[in-house]
Amino acid sequence: MNKTNLRIVADEDIFMVKALFSALGEVLTLPAKRIDASAARDADVLLIRSVTKVDEKLLANSQVQFVGTATIGMDHLDTTYLQQRNIAYASAPGCNAWAVVDYVLSVVYTLASRQGFDVMNKSWGIIGCGNVGGRLYRLLESLDIDVCGYDPFINSIDGLSSARANLVDVDSIWAKDIISVHTPLTYSGEFPTYHMIGAEQLSQLRSGALLVNCGRGEVIHHAELLGFLQATPKRHIALDVWQGEPNINIDLLPLLAIATPHIAGYSMQGKARASQMIFDTTARFYGLTSPPADMTGLQRDMTIEVTGATSTALIANAIQQAYRVEQDDRVFRQTMVQAGPQTKQNGLEKATIAENFTMLRKHYRFRPEFNQFAVTVNVADKQLKQFTERVLSALRFRIVK
């Protein structure tokens, strides 16, 4: 591919951005907070993440021709404005879908270990059955787990016919044991997702239910969630996404089962896929052929051995060795709670909480996905071994016989 003279302004936290995009021209990397109208003014290409709002305020006086966001969603892009200005744009749908599925499984098996329940016997409801929710649905369905999905925009789940996909109305979801949320954030239309989960929906959760949100924070009404959790015991909520990020409500923290700073999709492979996808799209927009990036350094040959008396214990052991969500939860709580009292004394609560939340995301160490691990199941019971290997294989672990 011939090098061009494009002027590219990019968020410095986009994975491998200089290594990839230097083939297209001059790449100026900046912290997200410095990507403003002045920075964008002379750029041909703008590369951002979800923390940057792309709208008329940012681009009115710019010559930007192409906007690429290294994210699966585009709710931070004013697509109406971009279309009016004939500015092309692209995201990276599905890039980190498996990383988010891994996160959900880590949350569920962490709580299964704490509470002693068998995941295989729990019913699941999935809200939003696109790239992430669809993968999770198909995985659970392949293991004969009781699962249903709600998504008013589809009549089948990719890979499953409408006859096999158990798609239900949203009211049927709240009776399930485990509910996983994977919707984009929308404010209009027939089925807006903004605050679609509030006090009324939360009140329908059965005792012992687990609700996990890895979609967008504003899908759940956080003020009503706080009131619900203060009044209602034995409901378990796990949040990776938060209303008002990065100015989150830390009063929720002691009431949550698991809390993390919007890092569910932060895998090495997911970040690399996102960068490659927007690079490919940018190159095509300018009529260039894009060679694949060298991803060999991201491949891992990690082996783990699991032992346990039950399938739940064995599976949880494998998951926790691959990704222990409790560590992210602990660091998040410590960092955010330490920020609270200090900033309240100084009258700077929101600013410091936002800074700490952003810092945790910025300096997060990307984790490997489950398919990077080879697992040996070390149990004498042949039937237990075979069942555990079947489940771990569905979760994309590589089984060592």
Protein backbone atom coordinates (compact mmCIF):
# COMPACT_ATOMS: atom_id res chain seq x y z
CA MET A 1 0.00 0.00 0.00
CA ASN A 2 1.41 3.38 -0.95
CA LYS A 3 1.78 5.88 1.84
CA THR A 4 -0.54 8.85 1.52
CA ASN A 5 -0.30 12.33 2.97
CA LEU A 6 -3.39 12.13 5.18
CA ARG A 7 -3.40 14.13 8.38
CA ILE A 8 -4.71 11.85 11.10
CA VAL A 9 -5.63 12.91 14.63
CA ALA A 10 -6.10 9.96 16.96
CA ASP A 11 -6.87 9.19 20.57
CA GLU A 12 -3.56 8.03 22.03
CA ASP A 13 -5.29 5.13 23.81
CA ILE A 14 -6.41 3.41 20.60
CA PHE A 15 -4.47 0.18 20.49
CA MET A 16 -1.59 0.08 17.96
CA VAL A 17 -2.86 3.27 16.33
CA LYS A 18 0.51 4.59 15.20
CA ALA A 19 1.77 1.18 14.08
CA LEU A 20 -1.27 0.81 11.83
CA PHE A 21 -2.17 4.27 10.62
CA SER A 22 1.33 5.58 9.89
CA ALA A 23 0.95 3.70 6.61
CA LEU A 24 -1.73 6.25 5.65
CA GLY A 25 0.00 9.46 6.62
CA GLU A 26 1.04 11.59 9.57
CA VAL A 27 -0.51 10.46 12.85
CA LEU A 28 -0.89 12.91 15.72
CA THR A 29 -1.94 11.15 18.93
CA LEU A 30 -3.54 13.11 21.76
CA PRO A 31 -5.21 12.37 25.09
CA ALA A 32 -8.97 12.14 24.63
CA LYS A 33 -9.57 15.34 26.60
CA ARG A 34 -7.39 17.28 24.12
CA ILE A 35 -9.32 16.17 21.04
CA ASP A 36 -11.26 19.39 20.58
CA ALA A 37 -12.27 21.68 17.71
CA SER A 38 -8.77 23.10 17.50
CA ALA A 39 -7.16 19.67 17.24
CA ALA A 40 -9.67 18.50 14.63
CA ARG A 41 -9.52 21.62 12.46
CA ASP A 42 -6.74 20.53 10.06
CA ALA A 43 -7.33 16.75 10.24
CA ASP A 44 -8.49 14.61 7.33
CA VAL A 45 -9.17 11.60 9.55
CA LEU A 46 -10.32 11.59 13.17
CA LEU A 47 -9.92 8.43 15.26
CA ILE A 48 -11.66 8.38 18.62
CA ARG A 49 -13.14 6.22 21.38
CA SER A 50 -16.48 6.43 23.17
CA VAL A 51 -15.25 9.19 25.50
CA THR A 52 -15.16 11.73 22.63
CA LYS A 53 -18.44 13.28 21.49
CA VAL A 54 -18.34 13.87 17.73
CA ASP A 55 -20.79 16.59 16.72
CA GLU A 56 -21.06 20.03 15.18
CA LYS A 57 -19.21 21.62 18.08
CA LEU A 58 -16.18 19.45 17.36
CA LEU A 59 -16.22 19.47 13.56
CA ALA A 60 -17.92 22.69 12.40
CA ASN A 61 -14.68 24.35 11.29
CA SER A 62 -12.76 21.21 10.36
CA GLN A 63 -11.92 19.52 7.08
CA VAL A 64 -12.42 16.01 8.49
CA GLN A 65 -13.54 13.55 5.82
CA PHE A 66 -13.63 10.35 7.86
CA VAL A 67 -14.33 9.52 11.52
CA GLY A 68 -13.43 6.12 12.90
CA THR A 69 -14.40 5.02 16.41
CA ALA A 70 -12.60 2.05 17.91
CA THR A 71 -15.77 0.94 19.68
CA ILE A 72 -18.73 -1.32 18.96
CA GLY A 73 -21.27 1.46 19.54
CA MET A 74 -21.81 4.84 17.94
CA ASP A 75 -24.06 6.68 20.39
CA HIS A 76 -21.25 9.22 20.90
CA LEU A 77 -21.41 10.12 17.19
CA ASP A 78 -23.97 12.64 15.91
CA THR A 79 -24.58 10.59 12.78
CA THR A 80 -27.25 12.98 11.50
CA TYR A 81 -24.74 15.82 11.49
CA LEU A 82 -22.03 13.65 9.92
CA GLN A 83 -24.39 12.65 7.10
CA GLN A 84 -25.40 16.27 6.51
CA ARG A 85 -21.73 17.18 6.17
CA ASN A 86 -20.98 14.12 3.99
CA ILE A 87 -18.43 12.94 6.52
CA ALA A 88 -17.95 9.17 6.39
CA TYR A 89 -17.84 7.27 9.67
CA ALA A 90 -17.29 3.73 10.90
CA SER A 91 -17.16 1.74 14.11
CA ALA A 92 -15.92 -1.73 14.98
CA PRO A 93 -19.05 -3.80 15.70
CA GLY A 94 -18.33 -7.12 17.36
CA CYS A 95 -14.64 -6.40 17.92
CA ASN A 96 -14.76 -7.11 21.64
CA ALA A 97 -17.90 -9.23 21.78
CA TRP A 98 -16.16 -12.34 23.08
CA ALA A 99 -14.33 -10.31 25.72
CA VAL A 100 -17.70 -9.10 27.05
CA VAL A 101 -19.07 -12.65 27.03
CA ASP A 102 -15.99 -13.74 29.01
CA TYR A 103 -16.68 -10.93 31.49
CA VAL A 104 -20.31 -11.98 32.01
CA LEU A 105 -19.27 -15.59 32.59
CA SER A 106 -16.64 -14.49 35.08
CA VAL A 107 -19.25 -12.46 36.99
CA VAL A 108 -21.75 -15.32 37.02
CA TYR A 109 -19.28 -18.01 38.10
CA THR A 110 -17.79 -15.70 40.75
CA LEU A 111 -21.24 -15.37 42.31
CA ALA A 112 -21.89 -19.09 41.83
CA SER A 113 -18.76 -19.78 43.86
CA ARG A 114 -19.82 -17.34 46.58
CA GLN A 115 -23.40 -18.55 46.82
CA GLY A 116 -23.07 -22.23 45.90
CA PHE A 117 -25.50 -22.44 42.98
CA ASP A 118 -25.20 -24.49 39.79
CA VAL A 119 -25.10 -22.21 36.75
CA MET A 120 -26.37 -24.99 34.51
CA ASN A 121 -29.65 -25.06 36.42
CA LYS A 122 -30.31 -21.32 36.27
CA SER A 123 -32.57 -19.63 33.72
CA TRP A 124 -31.13 -16.76 31.67
CA GLY A 125 -32.68 -13.76 29.97
CA ILE A 126 -30.66 -11.68 27.51
CA ILE A 127 -31.70 -8.14 26.63
CA GLY A 128 -30.20 -7.24 23.26
CA CYS A 129 -29.21 -10.17 21.04
CA GLY A 130 -26.76 -8.55 18.64
CA ASN A 131 -23.01 -9.12 18.50
CA VAL A 132 -22.55 -9.73 22.22
CA GLY A 133 -25.95 -10.95 23.35
CA GLY A 134 -26.28 -13.21 20.32
CA ARG A 135 -22.96 -14.90 21.07
CA LEU A 136 -23.91 -15.38 24.71
CA TYR A 137 -27.32 -16.75 23.70
CA ARG A 138 -25.83 -19.30 21.28
CA LEU A 139 -23.26 -20.42 23.84
CA LEU A 140 -25.89 -21.03 26.52
CA GLU A 141 -28.24 -22.70 24.05
CA SER A 142 -25.46 -25.08 22.97
CA LEU A 143 -25.16 -26.20 26.60
CA ASP A 144 -28.92 -26.83 26.92
CA ILE A 145 -29.28 -24.01 29.45
CA ASP A 146 -32.73 -22.43 29.77
CA VAL A 147 -32.25 -19.15 27.90
CA CYS A 148 -34.50 -16.59 26.23
CA GLY A 149 -33.81 -13.28 24.57
CA TYR A 150 -35.52 -9.94 24.10
CA ASP A 151 -34.69 -7.82 21.07
CA PRO A 152 -37.53 -6.07 19.22
CA PHE A 153 -35.32 -5.43 16.19
CA ILE A 154 -34.71 -9.06 15.23
CA ASN A 155 -36.84 -12.13 14.61
CA SER A 156 -34.00 -14.64 14.80
CA ILE A 157 -30.57 -14.84 16.35
CA ASP A 158 -27.61 -15.15 13.99
CA GLY A 159 -26.95 -18.86 13.53
CA LEU A 160 -30.30 -19.86 15.00
CA SER A 161 -33.58 -19.93 13.10
CA SER A 162 -36.57 -18.05 14.44
CA ALA A 163 -38.08 -21.42 15.33
CA ARG A 164 -35.12 -22.28 17.57
CA ALA A 165 -34.42 -18.85 18.99
CA ASN A 166 -36.53 -18.31 22.10
CA LEU A 167 -37.36 -14.63 21.65
CA VAL A 168 -39.85 -13.25 24.16
CA ASP A 169 -41.45 -9.97 25.21
CA VAL A 170 -39.50 -7.88 27.69
CA ASP A 171 -41.89 -8.61 30.59
CA SER A 172 -40.94 -12.30 30.39
CA ILE A 173 -37.28 -11.47 30.99
CA TRP A 174 -37.68 -10.24 34.56
CA ALA A 175 -38.67 -13.66 35.91
CA LYS A 176 -35.30 -15.21 34.99
CA ASP A 177 -32.53 -16.05 37.44
CA ILE A 178 -29.78 -14.29 35.48
CA ILE A 179 -30.40 -11.28 33.23
CA SER A 180 -27.64 -9.90 31.02
CA VAL A 181 -28.04 -6.52 29.29
CA HIS A 182 -26.33 -5.83 25.95
CA THR A 183 -28.25 -3.01 24.28
CA PRO A 184 -27.01 0.17 22.61
CA LEU A 185 -28.18 3.49 24.02
CA THR A 186 -31.07 5.05 22.10
CA TYR A 187 -33.36 7.93 23.03
CA SER A 188 -36.07 7.79 20.39
CA GLY A 189 -38.03 5.42 18.20
CA GLU A 190 -40.52 2.77 19.19
CA PHE A 191 -38.14 1.01 21.57
CA PRO A 192 -35.76 3.53 23.19
CA THR A 193 -33.31 2.01 25.65
CA TYR A 194 -32.65 5.12 27.77
CA HIS A 195 -33.84 4.26 31.30
CA MET A 196 -35.64 1.17 30.03
CA ILE A 197 -34.83 -0.48 33.38
CA GLY A 198 -36.20 1.45 36.36
CA ALA A 199 -38.00 0.83 39.61
CA GLU A 200 -40.93 -0.96 37.95
CA GLN A 201 -38.70 -3.47 36.16
CA LEU A 202 -36.35 -3.95 39.11
CA SER A 203 -39.32 -4.73 41.38
CA GLN A 204 -40.11 -7.72 39.18
CA LEU A 205 -36.74 -9.41 39.81
CA ARG A 206 -37.14 -12.64 41.71
CA SER A 207 -35.35 -13.22 45.02
CA GLY A 208 -31.72 -14.17 44.39
CA ALA A 209 -31.76 -12.88 40.81
CA LEU A 210 -28.63 -11.47 39.18
CA LEU A 211 -28.75 -8.52 36.77
CA VAL A 212 -25.57 -7.74 34.79
CA ASN A 213 -25.26 -4.59 32.66
CA CYS A 214 -22.44 -4.51 30.10
CA GLY A 215 -24.33 -2.45 27.52
CA ARG A 216 -24.68 1.25 28.32
CA GLY A 217 -25.01 2.80 31.76
CA GLU A 218 -28.02 4.97 30.95
CA VAL A 219 -30.10 1.90 30.11
CA ILE A 220 -30.64 1.58 33.88
CA HIS A 221 -32.10 4.50 35.84
CA HIS A 222 -29.37 4.73 38.49
CA ALA A 223 -31.28 6.89 40.97
CA GLU A 224 -34.10 4.32 40.98
CA LEU A 225 -31.55 1.50 41.14
CA LEU A 226 -30.02 3.06 44.25
CA GLY A 227 -33.40 3.34 45.94
CA PHE A 228 -34.28 -0.22 44.97
CA LEU A 229 -31.05 -1.71 46.36
CA GLN A 230 -31.37 0.26 49.58
CA ALA A 231 -34.86 -1.13 50.13
CA THR A 232 -34.65 -4.63 48.64
CA PRO A 233 -32.33 -7.38 49.86
CA LYS A 234 -31.34 -10.52 47.98
CA ARG A 235 -31.11 -8.97 44.52
CA HIS A 236 -27.69 -8.98 42.96
CA ILE A 237 -26.60 -6.30 40.51
CA ALA A 238 -23.31 -6.22 38.59
CA LEU A 239 -22.40 -3.03 36.73
CA ASP A 240 -19.59 -2.48 34.28
CA VAL A 241 -21.25 0.57 32.70
CA TRP A 242 -22.54 3.61 34.56
CA GLN A 243 -24.91 6.48 34.09
CA GLY A 244 -23.02 9.75 33.72
CA GLU A 245 -19.58 8.22 33.12
CA PRO A 246 -17.05 9.20 34.28
CA ASN A 247 -18.97 11.15 36.97
CA ILE A 248 -20.54 8.08 38.50
CA ASN A 249 -22.61 7.71 41.66
CA ILE A 250 -20.28 5.95 44.11
CA ASP A 251 -23.13 5.55 46.62
CA LEU A 252 -24.05 2.48 44.57
CA LEU A 253 -20.74 0.71 45.20
CA PRO A 254 -21.43 -0.94 48.58
CA LEU A 255 -24.77 -2.23 47.29
CA LEU A 256 -23.46 -3.96 44.16
CA ALA A 257 -22.36 -7.57 43.82
CA ILE A 258 -19.68 -6.68 41.24
CA ALA A 259 -18.56 -3.23 40.08
CA THR A 260 -15.98 -2.41 37.39
CA PRO A 261 -15.05 0.73 35.39
CA HIS A 262 -16.37 -0.05 31.89
CA ILE A 263 -13.68 -2.62 31.07
CA ALA A 264 -15.76 -5.68 30.13
CA GLY A 265 -14.55 -5.48 26.53
CA TYR A 266 -10.92 -4.70 27.35
CA SER A 267 -9.15 -7.75 25.94
CA MET A 268 -5.94 -7.65 23.93
CA GLN A 269 -7.61 -9.40 21.02
CA GLY A 270 -10.68 -7.13 21.15
CA LYS A 271 -8.62 -3.96 21.07
CA ALA A 272 -6.51 -5.27 18.21
CA ARG A 273 -9.63 -6.21 16.22
CA ALA A 274 -11.12 -2.75 16.75
CA SER A 275 -8.01 -1.00 15.48
CA GLN A 276 -7.70 -3.32 12.50
CA MET A 277 -11.36 -2.89 11.59
CA ILE A 278 -11.30 0.92 11.54
CA PHE A 279 -7.95 0.85 9.74
CA ASP A 280 -9.40 -1.40 7.02
CA THR A 281 -12.46 0.84 6.67
CA THR A 282 -10.36 4.00 6.48
CA ALA A 283 -8.10 2.46 3.83
CA ARG A 284 -11.10 1.37 1.74
CA PHE A 285 -12.60 4.87 1.98
CA TYR A 286 -9.46 6.26 0.38
CA GLY A 287 -9.28 3.47 -2.21
CA LEU A 288 -6.27 1.75 -0.68
CA THR A 289 -5.54 -1.89 0.03
CA SER A 290 -4.82 -2.54 3.69
CA PRO A 291 -2.55 -5.43 4.66
CA PRO A 292 -3.39 -7.19 7.92
CA ALA A 293 -1.49 -5.95 10.94
CA ASP A 294 1.04 -8.24 12.59
CA MET A 295 -0.90 -9.64 15.54
CA THR A 296 1.53 -12.48 16.36
CA GLY A 297 2.68 -10.70 19.50
CA LEU A 298 -0.86 -10.92 20.90
CA GLN A 299 -1.04 -14.69 20.73
CA ARG A 300 -0.51 -16.48 24.03
CA ASP A 301 0.25 -20.09 24.82
CA MET A 302 -1.01 -20.26 28.40
CA THR A 303 -1.86 -23.48 30.16
CA ILE A 304 -3.95 -23.94 33.27
CA GLU A 305 -4.92 -26.99 35.28
CA VAL A 306 -8.22 -27.21 37.12
CA THR A 307 -9.37 -29.38 39.97
CA GLY A 308 -12.59 -29.52 41.96
CA ALA A 309 -15.36 -31.72 43.28
CA THR A 310 -18.16 -30.37 41.07
CA SER A 311 -18.51 -29.10 37.54
CA THR A 312 -19.31 -25.62 38.85
CA ALA A 313 -16.12 -25.59 40.92
CA LEU A 314 -14.04 -26.84 37.99
CA ILE A 315 -15.46 -24.32 35.52
CA ALA A 316 -15.17 -21.47 38.03
CA ASN A 317 -11.56 -22.46 38.67
CA ALA A 318 -10.72 -22.28 34.96
CA ILE A 319 -12.49 -18.94 34.52
CA GLN A 320 -10.87 -17.38 37.57
CA GLN A 321 -7.42 -18.43 36.43
CA ALA A 322 -8.09 -16.85 33.04
CA TYR A 323 -9.80 -13.71 34.34
CA ARG A 324 -10.57 -12.95 37.98
CA VAL A 325 -13.18 -10.20 37.83
CA GLU A 326 -12.99 -9.88 41.63
CA GLN A 327 -9.57 -8.26 41.27
CA ASP A 328 -10.94 -5.54 38.99
CA ASP A 329 -13.88 -5.13 41.38
CA ARG A 330 -11.58 -4.73 44.39
CA VAL A 331 -9.28 -2.19 42.72
CA PHE A 332 -12.27 -0.20 41.47
CA ARG A 333 -13.91 -0.01 44.89
CA GLN A 334 -10.69 0.94 46.66
CA THR A 335 -9.86 3.65 44.14
CA MET A 336 -13.31 5.19 44.00
CA VAL A 337 -14.07 5.03 47.73
CA GLN A 338 -10.73 6.64 48.54
CA ALA A 339 -11.61 9.47 46.16
CA GLY A 340 -15.00 10.16 47.72
CA PRO A 341 -14.21 11.43 51.24
CA GLN A 342 -11.18 13.46 50.10
CA THR A 343 -13.12 15.26 47.40
CA LYS A 344 -16.15 15.88 49.58
CA GLN A 345 -13.89 17.71 52.01
CA ASN A 346 -12.45 19.83 49.23
CA GLY A 347 -15.69 20.34 47.32
CA LEU A 348 -14.35 18.58 44.23
CA GLU A 349 -16.22 15.31 44.36
CA LYS A 350 -17.30 14.95 40.74
CA ALA A 351 -14.00 16.06 39.25
CA THR A 352 -11.91 13.62 41.28
CA ILE A 353 -14.29 10.70 40.86
CA ALA A 354 -14.27 11.30 37.12
CA GLU A 355 -10.49 11.48 37.04
CA ASN A 356 -10.12 8.23 38.97
CA PHE A 357 -12.67 6.45 36.81
CA THR A 358 -10.89 7.62 33.66
CA MET A 359 -7.49 6.69 35.08
CA LEU A 360 -8.59 3.13 35.81
CA ARG A 361 -9.78 2.69 32.23
CA LYS A 362 -6.73 4.34 30.72
CA HIS A 363 -4.24 2.21 32.62
CA TYR A 364 -6.15 -1.06 32.50
CA ARG A 365 -3.97 -4.00 31.54
CA PHE A 366 -5.74 -5.68 28.62
CA ARG A 367 -6.46 -9.31 29.42
CA PRO A 368 -6.33 -12.37 27.16
CA GLU A 369 -9.61 -13.92 26.03
CA PHE A 370 -10.55 -17.43 27.08
CA ASN A 371 -9.48 -18.96 23.77
CA GLN A 372 -5.87 -18.11 24.62
CA PHE A 373 -5.82 -20.72 27.39
CA ALA A 374 -5.23 -24.47 27.15
CA VAL A 375 -6.96 -26.30 30.03
CA THR A 376 -6.26 -29.65 31.63
CA VAL A 377 -9.16 -31.00 33.69
CA ASN A 378 -7.60 -33.06 36.48
CA VAL A 379 -10.35 -35.21 37.97
CA ALA A 380 -10.69 -38.98 38.25
CA ASP A 381 -14.45 -39.13 37.60
CA LYS A 382 -14.70 -39.73 33.85
CA GLN A 383 -18.27 -38.44 33.50
CA LEU A 384 -17.49 -35.26 35.45
CA LYS A 385 -14.35 -34.73 33.39
CA GLN A 386 -16.20 -35.13 30.08
CA PHE A 387 -19.01 -32.78 31.10
CA THR A 388 -16.59 -30.14 32.35
CA GLU A 389 -14.52 -30.34 29.18
CA ARG A 390 -17.66 -29.93 27.08
CA VAL A 391 -18.64 -26.77 28.95
CA LEU A 392 -15.14 -25.29 28.89
CA SER A 393 -14.86 -26.01 25.18
CA ALA A 394 -18.14 -24.12 24.59
CA LEU A 395 -16.63 -21.24 26.57
CA ARG A 396 -13.77 -21.32 24.01
CA PHE A 397 -11.06 -22.75 26.23
CA ARG A 398 -8.74 -25.17 24.42
CA ILE A 399 -8.92 -28.61 26.03
CA VAL A 400 -5.78 -30.65 26.63
CA LYS A 401 -6.58 -34.36 26.53
